[in-house]
Amino acid sequence: MVEAAEVFRRYGPQYREKYGERMLPSHRRVMWAIEHCRTKSLGGHVYYCEHCEETCYCYHSCRNRHCPKCQSEKGQQWLEKQGDTLLPVPYFMLTFTLPAEVRKLARPQQKLFYNLLFRASAAATQKLALDPRFVGGKIGMVGILHTWGRNLSYHPHVHYLVPGGGLAEDGETWLPTRKDFLMPVKALSKLFRTKFRDALRQAGCFKDISASVWTEDWVVHCQPVGSGLGALKYLAPYIFRVAISNNRILSLENDRVTFRYRDTDSGQERVCTLAAEEFIRRFLQHVLPKGFVKVRYYGIFSPAWRKRLAMLRCRLGGESPPNPDSDDANKQDEVDIPANAVLCPKCGRVMLKGQRLRSRGRCPP
């Protein structure tokens, strides 16, 4: 199987030589991490099987959040920690997207525009939710930033997971919404556009955007997604997913990368082929600014509300937080296999950790 790491190892040096002076330090760090992930450069350990005497070399991962190899387990870990936020009510998924004209300005100023996207969309949703015609109270929101389209294009947007209801002013009464309706997206779109415009004025970037943008309809989408647990299971993979996973890459031939993706409109699987240099460029434009928080909690889901949220769940008839993978956990307990165990490729038994392999590479720039 072709991996993104192979593309970076083979064409990364040439890319850095060509664009090095213009590359961000964060892009250099990500390239280094992906190229050296689970190689001798990062060191590792030798594992030994007592049963069949098999030896296995396991090299350390880079742990970079943009590496396709290092994010597979984190989504499940996040999901298991969300039990305390589950409410026994219907949930909705809200999606806010920046127009093309704004995206052009956002790319060179990502930290500013991503923060404004969060701030404006959350504020607009919370304000409209206070309207008694819709929710009439304080809601909760879990927001996740995405920056890519399925063909690696630059397409920043935010997904919010929102329960169908909110707390009244007394802080005790739960105000449920209809199962199939949260709030009108047209009104939410206008409010989102207005708040983003005002935020741009304060940031000093308003004059850089065409006036026609403020008369367009900004895309806001809302759909019911069922129970809280079902919605969290749907959302968890998106939180730690990188721009492209290794299993989507089909080939690396003649300096071109071919990968598959699913068309958003038709739902059909399609194939895209890019020059290796263009593939690297598209991948790197989704590297987040250093320290940027891509998952944010608002309203009754904010950290300050956690204790009251647990009480609210009980009042709504919620039970103890379910374990999404209780069956898998029980199976693991039956055979007494640690979650991070290395299993023998021959006999399947747990291997013993032996000699440590020291790293051989330099630290990333």
Foldseek 3Di string as FASTA:
>chain_A
DDFPLVLLLVCVVVLCVVCVVPDDLLLLQVSVQQVCAFHLQQWFFWWADPPPGDIDTTGHHSCDLQHLVNQPCVLLVVLQVCLLQFAFFWKKKKKFWDDPLVLVVCLVVVVLVVVLQVVLLVVLLQVQCCPPVAAVAWWKWKKFWDQADQVLAGIIMIMIMTGQHHAHPVLADTGGGDNWDHGDVQSSQLSSLVSSLVSCVVVVNNVVGDPVSNVDGTDMDMGIQTGPSSVSVVCSVVRSHHNDHGVQWDDCPPQKTKGWGADPPPRHIDIDIGRSSVVSVSRSSRRHPPPDDRIDMDTCRHPVNSVVSSVNNVVSPHDRRDSPPVVVVVVCVVVVDDPPFDADPPPRHGIHTDDINHRDHDNGD
